[in-house]
């Protein structure tokens, strides 16, 4: 049975599809991160990385459930609130996606439909047909070593259900390591991180925000400060088969079994479309 919040989201879009899938959209609660040099960086989800897939999923008639560790309204990363991050950089496209964000009231502290991971557990993870995680730097703050998210991902992996992540979002895959907390601590300290054996995504082909793109982001977005570790390095260290596109800031999507990953913000649309193909199989 759908919860009232799910019914509300479905009513907002008025889908014509009768056999809709229920896609779990995982968000971070983090709005500020302390960087390696001590700078407090304002962060959150990237507008296009969330809303391009959300619009594609809703236009295809699917039901969406939004969830975060504690169920609080997520924060929009102010850096991302521009047309230039979208695949279609037109002002009209930006405004359409921003209007949808406002319609869904995701960032409204009183009316946000975002559920907590504990509530998702109560509903039953088996009631979801796919999972999607957008980027922004925020997933590095509270998704890398989240045990509940790790359990969710193990379920989607075991059931071969589409699992999509884009840009910095793929770091959330690390939550499914048996020693995710220890691994995260080791990555932050630079002390030679050692993943536990048997990672469910070991040897999967995958991508995430590249080190060369991170170098640019460090200079222009992080005020010269830097993250404790970079997603590309962490996924390689954990056992993933990393690839990147021939050019930075261009779409690069990798599909391996149920896993769909996108390298950067320009890859968000491609990740969503690839997930729809998997759902249709």
Protein backbone atom coordinates (compact mmCIF):
# COMPACT_ATOMS: atom_id res chain seq x y z
CA UNK A 1 0.00 0.00 0.00
CA UNK A 2 1.32 3.43 -0.90
CA UNK A 3 1.94 5.91 1.87
CA UNK A 4 0.12 9.27 1.78
CA UNK A 5 3.35 10.94 0.67
CA UNK A 6 3.66 8.61 -2.32
CA UNK A 7 0.05 9.28 -3.26
CA UNK A 8 0.71 13.00 -3.09
CA UNK A 9 3.68 12.74 -5.45
CA UNK A 10 1.71 10.64 -7.89
CA UNK A 11 -1.15 13.13 -7.87
CA UNK A 12 1.22 16.00 -8.61
CA UNK A 13 2.11 14.48 -11.96
CA UNK A 14 -1.09 12.65 -12.95
CA UNK A 15 0.61 9.82 -14.81
CA UNK A 16 -1.20 8.00 -17.64
CA UNK A 17 0.82 4.81 -17.15
CA UNK A 18 -0.93 1.95 -15.35
CA UNK A 19 2.07 -0.23 -14.52
CA UNK A 20 4.37 2.32 -12.93
CA UNK A 21 7.59 1.36 -11.24
CA UNK A 22 8.51 2.87 -7.88
CA UNK A 23 11.95 4.48 -7.99
CA UNK A 24 13.75 5.33 -4.75
CA UNK A 25 15.62 8.63 -5.08
CA UNK A 26 18.32 8.89 -2.41
CA UNK A 27 19.41 12.32 -1.22
CA UNK A 28 21.92 13.62 1.32
CA UNK A 29 21.04 15.60 4.43
CA UNK A 30 24.31 17.54 4.24
CA UNK A 31 24.23 21.27 3.51
CA UNK A 32 27.76 22.13 4.66
CA UNK A 33 31.03 20.20 4.53
CA UNK A 34 34.34 20.91 6.19
CA UNK A 35 37.11 20.56 3.63
CA UNK A 36 40.66 19.34 4.10
CA UNK A 37 42.05 22.81 4.79
CA UNK A 38 39.29 23.74 7.22
CA UNK A 39 37.02 25.68 4.85
CA UNK A 40 33.26 25.21 5.43
CA UNK A 41 31.77 24.59 1.98
CA UNK A 42 28.07 25.13 1.27
CA UNK A 43 26.81 22.08 -0.57
CA UNK A 44 23.75 19.96 -1.33
CA UNK A 45 22.32 18.27 -4.42
CA UNK A 46 23.07 19.57 -7.91
CA UNK A 47 19.90 20.91 -9.49
CA UNK A 48 20.22 19.27 -12.88
CA UNK A 49 21.65 16.02 -11.52
CA UNK A 50 18.48 15.52 -9.51
CA UNK A 51 15.83 17.18 -11.64
CA UNK A 52 16.75 15.98 -15.14
CA UNK A 53 16.34 12.32 -14.06
CA UNK A 54 13.31 13.15 -11.89
CA UNK A 55 11.52 14.75 -14.84
CA UNK A 56 12.43 11.87 -17.14
CA UNK A 57 11.16 9.30 -14.62
CA UNK A 58 7.93 11.18 -13.99
CA UNK A 59 7.31 11.82 -17.69
CA UNK A 60 7.66 8.05 -18.20
CA UNK A 61 4.89 7.54 -15.64
CA UNK A 62 6.87 6.19 -12.73
CA UNK A 63 6.29 6.85 -9.04
CA UNK A 64 9.12 8.41 -7.06
CA UNK A 65 9.94 8.09 -3.38
CA UNK A 66 12.50 10.57 -2.07
CA UNK A 67 14.56 9.55 0.95
CA UNK A 68 17.57 10.70 2.96
CA UNK A 69 19.27 9.43 6.13
CA UNK A 70 17.02 11.43 8.48
CA UNK A 71 14.25 12.52 6.12
CA UNK A 72 14.89 16.24 6.29
CA UNK A 73 14.37 18.57 3.37
CA UNK A 74 17.51 18.50 1.19
CA UNK A 75 19.52 21.57 0.25
CA UNK A 76 20.09 22.81 -3.28
CA UNK A 77 23.78 23.48 -3.91
CA UNK A 78 23.78 27.17 -4.89
CA UNK A 79 26.62 26.63 -7.35
CA UNK A 80 24.38 24.35 -9.41
CA UNK A 81 21.46 26.75 -9.72
CA UNK A 82 22.24 27.86 -13.27
CA UNK A 83 21.25 26.77 -16.80
CA UNK A 84 24.87 25.99 -17.70
CA UNK A 85 24.97 22.75 -15.72
CA UNK A 86 22.13 21.19 -17.73
CA UNK A 87 22.65 19.14 -20.89
CA UNK A 88 20.23 21.55 -22.55
CA UNK A 89 21.58 24.90 -21.36
CA UNK A 90 18.60 26.97 -22.47
CA UNK A 91 16.90 29.24 -19.96
CA UNK A 92 13.53 27.66 -20.75
CA UNK A 93 14.81 24.18 -19.90
CA UNK A 94 16.33 25.42 -16.64
CA UNK A 95 13.12 27.18 -15.66
CA UNK A 96 11.02 24.08 -16.39
CA UNK A 97 13.15 21.92 -14.12
CA UNK A 98 13.30 24.56 -11.39
CA UNK A 99 9.51 24.85 -11.53
CA UNK A 100 9.17 21.09 -11.11
CA UNK A 101 11.48 21.18 -8.08
CA UNK A 102 9.28 23.85 -6.52
CA UNK A 103 6.13 21.90 -7.38
CA UNK A 104 7.42 18.82 -5.62
CA UNK A 105 8.35 20.97 -2.60
CA UNK A 106 11.45 18.90 -1.94
CA UNK A 107 13.36 21.72 -0.29
CA UNK A 108 10.40 23.01 1.73
CA UNK A 109 11.32 22.40 5.37
CA UNK A 110 7.67 21.94 6.38
CA UNK A 111 6.13 20.22 3.34
CA UNK A 112 8.99 18.19 1.88
CA UNK A 113 7.93 14.63 0.95
CA UNK A 114 11.39 13.24 1.73
CA UNK A 115 11.27 10.12 3.91
CA UNK A 116 13.91 8.88 6.32
CA UNK A 117 15.83 5.69 5.60
CA UNK A 118 14.13 4.19 8.65
CA UNK A 119 10.73 4.90 7.12
CA UNK A 120 11.85 3.25 3.88
CA UNK A 121 12.81 0.19 5.92
CA UNK A 122 9.34 0.17 7.50
CA UNK A 123 7.66 0.37 4.09
CA UNK A 124 9.94 -2.41 2.85
CA UNK A 125 12.81 -2.00 0.42
CA UNK A 126 11.29 -4.80 -1.68
CA UNK A 127 8.56 -2.34 -2.71
CA UNK A 128 11.04 -0.36 -4.82
CA UNK A 129 12.01 -1.25 -8.37
CA UNK A 130 15.09 0.95 -8.82
CA UNK A 131 17.27 3.40 -6.94
CA UNK A 132 18.88 6.65 -8.09
CA UNK A 133 21.47 8.86 -6.36
CA UNK A 134 22.30 12.35 -7.74
CA UNK A 135 25.53 14.19 -7.09
CA UNK A 136 26.74 17.41 -5.71
CA UNK A 137 29.48 16.99 -3.11
CA UNK A 138 26.92 16.23 -0.38
CA UNK A 139 26.95 12.40 -0.74
CA UNK A 140 30.54 12.47 0.51
CA UNK A 141 29.21 13.84 3.79
CA UNK A 142 26.70 11.21 4.88
CA UNK A 143 26.17 8.47 2.29
CA UNK A 144 29.60 6.84 2.00
CA UNK A 145 29.40 4.93 5.28
CA UNK A 146 25.65 4.78 5.90
CA UNK A 147 24.72 1.24 6.98
CA UNK A 148 21.06 1.55 5.99
CA UNK A 149 21.95 2.68 2.49
CA UNK A 150 24.44 -0.18 2.28
CA UNK A 151 21.63 -2.61 3.05
CA UNK A 152 19.41 -1.00 0.40
CA UNK A 153 22.14 -1.33 -2.24
CA UNK A 154 22.78 -4.97 -1.35
CA UNK A 155 19.11 -5.64 -1.95
CA UNK A 156 19.05 -3.91 -5.34
CA UNK A 157 22.23 -5.73 -6.32
CA UNK A 158 20.95 -9.15 -5.25
CA UNK A 159 17.68 -8.61 -7.11
CA UNK A 160 19.39 -7.08 -10.19
CA UNK A 161 17.25 -3.96 -9.92
CA UNK A 162 18.46 -0.81 -11.74
CA UNK A 163 20.87 1.23 -9.63
CA UNK A 164 21.78 4.65 -11.04
CA UNK A 165 24.21 7.25 -9.71
CA UNK A 166 25.75 10.33 -11.27
CA UNK A 167 28.80 12.60 -10.76
CA UNK A 168 29.74 12.42 -7.04
CA UNK A 169 26.75 10.17 -6.37
CA UNK A 170 28.63 6.91 -7.09
CA UNK A 171 30.59 7.30 -3.83
CA UNK A 172 27.37 6.07 -2.19
CA UNK A 173 28.22 2.61 -3.56
CA UNK A 174 30.94 2.46 -0.90
CA UNK A 175 28.27 2.17 1.78
CA UNK A 176 27.84 -1.46 0.71
CA UNK A 177 31.41 -2.29 1.77
CA UNK A 178 31.41 -4.45 4.89
CA UNK A 179 33.94 -2.02 6.40
CA UNK A 180 32.57 1.21 4.92
CA UNK A 181 33.20 3.33 8.01
CA UNK A 182 36.79 2.14 8.36
CA UNK A 183 37.37 2.54 4.63
CA UNK A 184 36.07 6.11 4.69
CA UNK A 185 38.29 6.98 7.66
CA UNK A 186 41.32 5.53 5.89
CA UNK A 187 40.56 7.42 2.68
CA UNK A 188 40.27 10.68 4.61
CA UNK A 189 43.55 10.12 6.43
CA UNK A 190 45.41 8.94 3.34
CA UNK A 191 46.70 5.97 5.30
CA UNK A 192 46.27 3.32 2.62
CA UNK A 193 42.60 2.35 2.55
CA UNK A 194 41.86 -1.36 2.47
CA UNK A 195 38.36 -2.43 1.42
CA UNK A 196 36.80 -5.51 2.94
CA UNK A 197 36.79 -8.53 0.65
CA UNK A 198 33.67 -9.38 -1.28
CA UNK A 199 32.40 -5.92 -2.23
CA UNK A 200 29.25 -6.46 -4.27
CA UNK A 201 30.47 -4.02 -6.95
CA UNK A 202 34.01 -5.38 -7.18
CA UNK A 203 35.08 -5.57 -10.85
CA UNK A 204 31.96 -3.73 -12.02
CA UNK A 205 32.62 -1.21 -14.76
CA UNK A 206 31.75 2.23 -13.41
CA UNK A 207 32.49 5.93 -13.59
CA UNK A 208 32.28 9.00 -11.37
CA UNK A 209 33.55 12.57 -11.37
CA UNK A 210 37.10 12.33 -12.72
CA UNK A 211 40.23 13.55 -10.98
CA UNK A 212 40.89 16.00 -13.79
CA UNK A 213 37.40 17.48 -13.38
CA UNK A 214 37.89 17.53 -9.61
CA UNK A 215 41.06 19.56 -10.12
CA UNK A 216 39.04 22.24 -11.90
CA UNK A 217 36.25 22.09 -9.29
CA UNK A 218 38.82 22.54 -6.53
CA UNK A 219 40.08 25.73 -8.13
CA UNK A 220 36.77 27.31 -9.10
CA UNK A 221 34.21 25.98 -6.63
CA UNK A 222 36.06 25.03 -3.45
CA UNK A 223 37.99 28.24 -3.01
CA UNK A 224 41.33 26.49 -3.45
CA UNK A 225 40.59 24.07 -0.61
CA UNK A 226 39.99 20.40 -1.43
CA UNK A 227 38.05 17.31 -0.50
CA UNK A 228 39.66 14.79 1.84
CA UNK A 229 39.66 12.30 -1.04
CA UNK A 230 38.35 12.13 -4.57
CA UNK A 231 35.58 9.78 -5.78
CA UNK A 232 37.63 8.31 -8.64
CA UNK A 233 40.41 7.24 -6.27
CA UNK A 234 37.97 5.79 -3.73
CA UNK A 235 36.06 3.66 -6.24
CA UNK A 236 39.27 2.33 -7.78
CA UNK A 237 40.67 1.54 -4.34
CA UNK A 238 37.45 -0.29 -3.43
CA UNK A 239 37.76 -2.54 -6.48
CA UNK A 240 35.71 -0.88 -9.22
CA UNK A 241 36.82 -0.82 -12.87
CA UNK A 242 36.86 2.91 -13.48
CA UNK A 243 36.58 4.58 -16.87
CA UNK A 244 36.20 8.19 -17.97
CA UNK A 245 35.17 9.91 -21.14
CA UNK A 246 37.64 11.14 -23.75
CA UNK A 247 36.82 14.74 -22.82
CA UNK A 248 35.99 16.32 -19.48
CA UNK A 249 32.54 17.86 -18.94
CA UNK A 250 30.96 15.71 -21.65
CA UNK A 251 28.41 12.91 -21.12
CA UNK A 252 29.91 9.55 -20.21
CA UNK A 253 27.61 6.77 -19.04
CA UNK A 254 28.66 3.27 -18.04
CA UNK A 255 26.18 0.38 -17.79
CA UNK A 256 27.27 -2.90 -16.22
CA UNK A 257 24.54 -5.35 -15.28
CA UNK A 258 22.10 -3.44 -13.04
CA UNK A 259 24.55 -0.61 -12.34
CA UNK A 260 24.34 2.66 -14.29
CA UNK A 261 26.84 5.42 -13.51
CA UNK A 262 27.46 8.85 -15.04
CA UNK A 263 30.73 10.76 -14.89
CA UNK A 264 29.55 14.33 -14.44
CA UNK A 265 26.59 16.71 -14.47
CA UNK A 266 26.26 16.42 -18.25
CA UNK A 267 25.67 12.67 -17.82
CA UNK A 268 22.48 12.92 -15.75
CA UNK A 269 20.04 12.59 -18.64
CA UNK A 270 21.93 9.61 -20.04
CA UNK A 271 21.87 7.80 -16.70
CA UNK A 272 18.10 8.26 -16.40
CA UNK A 273 17.45 7.04 -19.93
CA UNK A 274 19.66 3.99 -19.40
CA UNK A 275 17.75 3.19 -16.20
CA UNK A 276 14.46 3.36 -18.10
CA UNK A 277 15.81 0.84 -20.60
CA UNK A 278 16.68 -1.54 -17.77
CA UNK A 279 13.25 -1.09 -16.18
CA UNK A 280 11.62 -1.96 -19.51
CA UNK A 281 13.44 -5.29 -19.78
